[in-house]
Amino acid sequence: MTLSKTNPEISRLSTEELKQLLDEGEPIFFADMRRHPDDLQIKAALYYDPERILAADRVELPASKDQLIVTYCTWPQEATSARVAQRLIEQGYRKVHPPWGGFEAWREAAYPVEPRSI
């Protein structure tokens, strides 16, 4: 797997890389960080209010610090998922990556989505 670098701390994954990892059985924790989520999400994602994550003194996710965590937003160039990824890395999570293209790229590629859990 090749990681695409945006800066030394945060690297993004393509939707194709993520789908390949899922197909290979890699446990991925998807964190939906969209400011205005619609009624769909990446399959098995959990929604988090990005402003709460960014403002929190301590961030605790139901994922191990070594698990692959994908923070995604709606739009390809939206920085929210990258800011949240940086915050999680600062909190000790080691493998946090926003995807290139955000949720829209995932949906356009017809990868697994499901109704958003509330």
N, C-alpha and C. Protein backbone atom coordinates (compact mmCIF):
# COMPACT_ATOMS: atom_id res chain seq x y z
N MET A 1 0.85 -1.17 0.00
CA MET A 1 0.00 0.00 0.00
C MET A 1 0.89 1.23 0.00
N THR A 2 0.58 2.19 -0.85
CA THR A 2 1.34 3.44 -0.92
C THR A 2 0.52 4.55 -0.29
N LEU A 3 1.14 5.27 0.64
CA LEU A 3 0.46 6.39 1.27
C LEU A 3 0.79 7.66 0.52
N SER A 4 -0.21 8.48 0.27
CA SER A 4 -0.02 9.75 -0.40
C SER A 4 0.19 10.83 0.65
N LYS A 5 1.33 11.49 0.62
CA LYS A 5 1.67 12.46 1.66
C LYS A 5 1.13 13.86 1.34
N THR A 6 0.50 14.49 2.34
CA THR A 6 0.12 15.90 2.23
C THR A 6 1.01 16.75 3.11
N ASN A 7 1.53 16.19 4.17
CA ASN A 7 2.54 16.81 5.03
C ASN A 7 3.16 15.69 5.85
N PRO A 8 4.20 15.93 6.60
CA PRO A 8 4.86 14.84 7.33
C PRO A 8 3.97 14.13 8.34
N GLU A 9 2.96 14.80 8.88
CA GLU A 9 2.14 14.19 9.91
C GLU A 9 0.93 13.45 9.38
N ILE A 10 0.32 13.97 8.32
CA ILE A 10 -0.93 13.42 7.83
C ILE A 10 -0.74 12.89 6.41
N SER A 11 -1.11 11.65 6.20
CA SER A 11 -1.13 11.13 4.83
C SER A 11 -2.55 10.69 4.52
N ARG A 12 -2.91 10.85 3.29
CA ARG A 12 -4.25 10.47 2.84
C ARG A 12 -4.19 9.17 2.07
N LEU A 13 -5.29 8.44 2.11
CA LEU A 13 -5.42 7.21 1.36
C LEU A 13 -6.44 7.43 0.25
N SER A 14 -6.26 6.77 -0.85
CA SER A 14 -7.25 6.85 -1.92
C SER A 14 -8.41 5.92 -1.57
N THR A 15 -9.55 6.15 -2.18
CA THR A 15 -10.69 5.26 -1.94
C THR A 15 -10.36 3.85 -2.42
N GLU A 16 -9.58 3.75 -3.49
CA GLU A 16 -9.18 2.43 -4.00
C GLU A 16 -8.31 1.69 -2.98
N GLU A 17 -7.38 2.42 -2.34
CA GLU A 17 -6.54 1.80 -1.30
C GLU A 17 -7.38 1.33 -0.13
N LEU A 18 -8.34 2.15 0.28
CA LEU A 18 -9.20 1.77 1.39
C LEU A 18 -10.04 0.54 1.05
N LYS A 19 -10.60 0.53 -0.14
CA LYS A 19 -11.43 -0.61 -0.56
C LYS A 19 -10.58 -1.88 -0.62
N GLN A 20 -9.35 -1.77 -1.11
CA GLN A 20 -8.46 -2.93 -1.16
C GLN A 20 -8.16 -3.44 0.25
N LEU A 21 -7.89 -2.54 1.17
CA LEU A 21 -7.64 -2.94 2.56
C LEU A 21 -8.86 -3.64 3.16
N LEU A 22 -10.05 -3.11 2.91
CA LEU A 22 -11.27 -3.77 3.39
C LEU A 22 -11.41 -5.16 2.80
N ASP A 23 -11.18 -5.28 1.49
CA ASP A 23 -11.28 -6.57 0.82
C ASP A 23 -10.27 -7.58 1.37
N GLU A 24 -9.12 -7.07 1.85
CA GLU A 24 -8.09 -7.93 2.43
C GLU A 24 -8.35 -8.25 3.90
N GLY A 25 -9.42 -7.70 4.46
CA GLY A 25 -9.79 -7.99 5.83
C GLY A 25 -9.17 -7.09 6.88
N GLU A 26 -8.55 -5.98 6.46
CA GLU A 26 -7.96 -5.04 7.40
C GLU A 26 -9.07 -4.41 8.25
N PRO A 27 -8.95 -4.45 9.58
CA PRO A 27 -9.96 -3.79 10.41
C PRO A 27 -9.77 -2.27 10.35
N ILE A 28 -10.75 -1.59 9.81
CA ILE A 28 -10.68 -0.14 9.66
C ILE A 28 -11.79 0.49 10.49
N PHE A 29 -11.44 1.49 11.26
CA PHE A 29 -12.42 2.25 12.03
C PHE A 29 -12.72 3.52 11.24
N PHE A 30 -13.93 3.63 10.70
CA PHE A 30 -14.35 4.81 9.95
C PHE A 30 -15.04 5.80 10.88
N ALA A 31 -14.53 7.03 10.91
CA ALA A 31 -15.10 8.09 11.73
C ALA A 31 -15.66 9.17 10.80
N ASP A 32 -16.97 9.30 10.79
CA ASP A 32 -17.67 10.28 9.96
C ASP A 32 -17.56 11.64 10.64
N MET A 33 -16.84 12.56 10.01
CA MET A 33 -16.61 13.90 10.57
C MET A 33 -17.31 14.99 9.76
N ARG A 34 -18.35 14.61 9.04
CA ARG A 34 -19.04 15.61 8.21
C ARG A 34 -19.80 16.58 9.09
N ARG A 35 -19.68 17.85 8.76
CA ARG A 35 -20.39 18.88 9.53
C ARG A 35 -21.90 18.79 9.34
N HIS A 36 -22.34 18.39 8.15
CA HIS A 36 -23.76 18.26 7.84
C HIS A 36 -24.00 16.92 7.16
N PRO A 37 -23.96 15.82 7.92
CA PRO A 37 -24.12 14.51 7.30
C PRO A 37 -25.52 14.31 6.74
N ASP A 38 -25.59 13.55 5.65
CA ASP A 38 -26.90 13.21 5.10
C ASP A 38 -27.34 11.89 5.72
N ASP A 39 -28.22 11.16 5.05
CA ASP A 39 -28.76 9.94 5.64
C ASP A 39 -27.95 8.69 5.30
N LEU A 40 -26.80 8.83 4.64
CA LEU A 40 -25.93 7.70 4.33
C LEU A 40 -24.57 7.90 4.97
N GLN A 41 -23.88 6.79 5.20
CA GLN A 41 -22.52 6.82 5.72
C GLN A 41 -21.75 5.64 5.15
N ILE A 42 -20.44 5.68 5.26
CA ILE A 42 -19.64 4.51 4.92
C ILE A 42 -20.04 3.39 5.87
N LYS A 43 -20.15 2.19 5.33
CA LYS A 43 -20.63 1.06 6.12
C LYS A 43 -19.83 0.91 7.41
N ALA A 44 -20.54 0.83 8.52
CA ALA A 44 -20.02 0.63 9.87
C ALA A 44 -19.33 1.86 10.45
N ALA A 45 -19.48 3.02 9.82
CA ALA A 45 -18.88 4.25 10.36
C ALA A 45 -19.64 4.71 11.59
N LEU A 46 -18.94 5.46 12.43
CA LEU A 46 -19.56 6.12 13.56
C LEU A 46 -19.43 7.62 13.36
N TYR A 47 -20.49 8.36 13.68
CA TYR A 47 -20.47 9.81 13.51
C TYR A 47 -19.92 10.48 14.76
N TYR A 48 -19.08 11.49 14.53
CA TYR A 48 -18.56 12.34 15.61
C TYR A 48 -18.67 13.79 15.18
N ASP A 49 -19.07 14.64 16.11
CA ASP A 49 -19.09 16.07 15.85
C ASP A 49 -17.63 16.53 15.79
N PRO A 50 -17.15 16.98 14.63
CA PRO A 50 -15.74 17.33 14.52
C PRO A 50 -15.32 18.46 15.46
N GLU A 51 -16.21 19.41 15.72
CA GLU A 51 -15.86 20.51 16.62
C GLU A 51 -15.63 20.02 18.05
N ARG A 52 -16.39 19.03 18.47
CA ARG A 52 -16.19 18.46 19.81
C ARG A 52 -14.86 17.72 19.89
N ILE A 53 -14.53 16.98 18.86
CA ILE A 53 -13.24 16.27 18.83
C ILE A 53 -12.10 17.27 18.89
N LEU A 54 -12.20 18.32 18.08
CA LEU A 54 -11.12 19.31 18.02
C LEU A 54 -10.98 20.10 19.32
N ALA A 55 -12.07 20.28 20.05
CA ALA A 55 -12.03 21.06 21.29
C ALA A 55 -11.75 20.22 22.53
N ALA A 56 -11.83 18.92 22.42
CA ALA A 56 -11.69 18.05 23.59
C ALA A 56 -10.26 18.03 24.12
N ASP A 57 -10.14 18.00 25.44
CA ASP A 57 -8.82 17.85 26.06
C ASP A 57 -8.28 16.44 25.82
N ARG A 58 -9.18 15.47 25.87
CA ARG A 58 -8.80 14.07 25.70
C ARG A 58 -9.78 13.42 24.75
N VAL A 59 -9.28 12.71 23.75
CA VAL A 59 -10.12 12.04 22.77
C VAL A 59 -10.02 10.54 22.99
N GLU A 60 -11.16 9.89 23.14
CA GLU A 60 -11.20 8.44 23.29
C GLU A 60 -12.16 7.87 22.25
N LEU A 61 -11.62 7.08 21.35
CA LEU A 61 -12.43 6.40 20.35
C LEU A 61 -12.51 4.92 20.70
N PRO A 62 -13.57 4.23 20.26
CA PRO A 62 -13.65 2.79 20.51
C PRO A 62 -12.78 2.01 19.50
N ALA A 63 -11.55 2.44 19.36
CA ALA A 63 -10.58 1.79 18.46
C ALA A 63 -9.24 1.79 19.18
N SER A 64 -8.42 0.80 18.88
CA SER A 64 -7.11 0.76 19.52
C SER A 64 -6.23 1.85 18.92
N LYS A 65 -5.20 2.21 19.65
CA LYS A 65 -4.28 3.26 19.19
C LYS A 65 -3.50 2.81 17.95
N ASP A 66 -3.46 1.50 17.69
CA ASP A 66 -2.73 0.97 16.54
C ASP A 66 -3.61 0.61 15.36
N GLN A 67 -4.93 0.71 15.51
CA GLN A 67 -5.85 0.35 14.44
C GLN A 67 -5.86 1.45 13.37
N LEU A 68 -6.09 1.06 12.14
CA LEU A 68 -6.25 2.03 11.06
C LEU A 68 -7.55 2.79 11.27
N ILE A 69 -7.45 4.11 11.39
CA ILE A 69 -8.61 4.98 11.57
C ILE A 69 -8.70 5.89 10.36
N VAL A 70 -9.88 5.95 9.77
CA VAL A 70 -10.13 6.82 8.63
C VAL A 70 -11.15 7.87 9.04
N THR A 71 -10.72 9.13 9.00
CA THR A 71 -11.61 10.26 9.31
C THR A 71 -12.04 10.86 7.98
N TYR A 72 -13.34 10.92 7.74
CA TYR A 72 -13.77 11.45 6.45
C TYR A 72 -14.77 12.57 6.58
N CYS A 73 -14.71 13.47 5.59
CA CYS A 73 -15.63 14.60 5.45
C CYS A 73 -16.44 14.38 4.17
N THR A 74 -17.14 15.42 3.79
CA THR A 74 -17.97 15.35 2.59
C THR A 74 -17.19 15.61 1.32
N TRP A 75 -16.44 16.68 1.29
CA TRP A 75 -15.86 17.17 0.05
C TRP A 75 -14.38 16.84 -0.08
N PRO A 76 -13.90 16.73 -1.32
CA PRO A 76 -12.51 16.35 -1.56
C PRO A 76 -11.48 17.25 -0.89
N GLN A 77 -11.69 18.54 -0.85
CA GLN A 77 -10.68 19.44 -0.31
C GLN A 77 -11.01 19.95 1.09
N GLU A 78 -12.05 19.42 1.72
CA GLU A 78 -12.42 19.88 3.05
C GLU A 78 -11.33 19.48 4.05
N ALA A 79 -10.90 20.40 4.86
CA ALA A 79 -9.78 20.17 5.77
C ALA A 79 -10.20 19.59 7.11
N THR A 80 -11.50 19.49 7.37
CA THR A 80 -11.95 19.03 8.68
C THR A 80 -11.39 17.66 9.02
N SER A 81 -11.47 16.71 8.10
CA SER A 81 -11.00 15.36 8.40
C SER A 81 -9.49 15.34 8.66
N ALA A 82 -8.74 16.19 7.97
CA ALA A 82 -7.29 16.26 8.21
C ALA A 82 -6.99 16.88 9.57
N ARG A 83 -7.75 17.90 9.95
CA ARG A 83 -7.56 18.52 11.27
C ARG A 83 -7.88 17.53 12.38
N VAL A 84 -8.95 16.77 12.21
CA VAL A 84 -9.32 15.77 13.21
C VAL A 84 -8.25 14.67 13.25
N ALA A 85 -7.77 14.24 12.09
CA ALA A 85 -6.71 13.23 12.05
C ALA A 85 -5.48 13.71 12.82
N GLN A 86 -5.10 14.96 12.61
CA GLN A 86 -3.96 15.52 13.33
C GLN A 86 -4.20 15.51 14.83
N ARG A 87 -5.40 15.86 15.24
CA ARG A 87 -5.75 15.86 16.67
C ARG A 87 -5.65 14.45 17.25
N LEU A 88 -6.14 13.46 16.52
CA LEU A 88 -6.07 12.08 17.00
C LEU A 88 -4.63 11.60 17.10
N ILE A 89 -3.80 11.98 16.14
CA ILE A 89 -2.38 11.62 16.20
C ILE A 89 -1.74 12.25 17.44
N GLU A 90 -2.08 13.49 17.72
CA GLU A 90 -1.57 14.16 18.93
C GLU A 90 -2.00 13.42 20.20
N GLN A 91 -3.14 12.72 20.13
CA GLN A 91 -3.66 11.98 21.28
C GLN A 91 -3.11 10.55 21.35
N GLY A 92 -2.20 10.19 20.44
CA GLY A 92 -1.56 8.89 20.51
C GLY A 92 -2.04 7.84 19.53
N TYR A 93 -3.03 8.17 18.72
CA TYR A 93 -3.46 7.23 17.68
C TYR A 93 -2.41 7.26 16.58
N ARG A 94 -1.98 6.09 16.13
CA ARG A 94 -0.80 6.01 15.26
C ARG A 94 -1.09 5.94 13.77
N LYS A 95 -2.24 5.40 13.37
CA LYS A 95 -2.53 5.20 11.95
C LYS A 95 -3.85 5.87 11.60
N VAL A 96 -3.81 7.19 11.44
CA VAL A 96 -5.02 7.97 11.15
C VAL A 96 -4.84 8.64 9.80
N HIS A 97 -5.79 8.39 8.90
CA HIS A 97 -5.67 8.92 7.54
C HIS A 97 -7.03 9.36 7.01
N PRO A 98 -7.14 10.59 6.53
CA PRO A 98 -8.34 10.98 5.79
C PRO A 98 -8.22 10.46 4.35
N PRO A 99 -9.34 10.18 3.70
CA PRO A 99 -9.26 9.71 2.32
C PRO A 99 -9.25 10.87 1.32
N TRP A 100 -8.56 10.66 0.22
CA TRP A 100 -8.65 11.61 -0.89
C TRP A 100 -10.08 11.59 -1.41
N GLY A 101 -10.67 12.74 -1.59
CA GLY A 101 -12.00 12.83 -2.18
C GLY A 101 -13.14 12.75 -1.21
N GLY A 102 -12.87 12.44 0.05
CA GLY A 102 -13.92 12.41 1.06
C GLY A 102 -15.03 11.41 0.76
N PHE A 103 -16.15 11.64 1.41
CA PHE A 103 -17.30 10.74 1.27
C PHE A 103 -17.82 10.72 -0.15
N GLU A 104 -17.77 11.85 -0.83
CA GLU A 104 -18.28 11.90 -2.21
C GLU A 104 -17.52 10.94 -3.12
N ALA A 105 -16.21 10.87 -2.99
CA ALA A 105 -15.42 9.95 -3.82
C ALA A 105 -15.77 8.50 -3.50
N TRP A 106 -15.98 8.22 -2.22
CA TRP A 106 -16.36 6.86 -1.80
C TRP A 106 -17.70 6.47 -2.42
N ARG A 107 -18.66 7.37 -2.33
CA ARG A 107 -20.00 7.08 -2.86
C ARG A 107 -19.97 6.99 -4.38
N GLU A 108 -19.23 7.89 -5.05
CA GLU A 108 -19.14 7.85 -6.51
C GLU A 108 -18.49 6.57 -7.02
N ALA A 109 -17.62 5.98 -6.22
CA ALA A 109 -16.98 4.72 -6.61
C ALA A 109 -17.90 3.52 -6.34
N ALA A 110 -19.08 3.77 -5.79
CA ALA A 110 -20.07 2.74 -5.47
C ALA A 110 -19.55 1.74 -4.44
N TYR A 111 -18.76 2.25 -3.47
CA TYR A 111 -18.29 1.40 -2.39
C TYR A 111 -19.37 1.34 -1.30
N PRO A 112 -19.26 0.39 -0.37
CA PRO A 112 -20.35 0.15 0.58
C PRO A 112 -20.74 1.34 1.44
N VAL A 113 -22.03 1.69 1.37
CA VAL A 113 -22.63 2.69 2.24
C VAL A 113 -23.86 2.06 2.88
N GLU A 114 -24.35 2.69 3.92
CA GLU A 114 -25.54 2.20 4.61
C GLU A 114 -26.26 3.40 5.21
N PRO A 115 -27.52 3.20 5.62
CA PRO A 115 -28.20 4.30 6.29
C PRO A 115 -27.41 4.73 7.52
N ARG A 116 -27.33 6.02 7.74
CA ARG A 116 -26.58 6.56 8.87
C ARG A 116 -27.28 6.22 10.17
N SER A 117 -26.50 5.70 11.12
CA SER A 117 -27.05 5.43 12.45
C SER A 117 -27.13 6.75 13.21
N ILE A 118 -28.18 6.89 13.99
CA ILE A 118 -28.40 8.15 14.70
C ILE A 118 -28.10 7.99 16.15
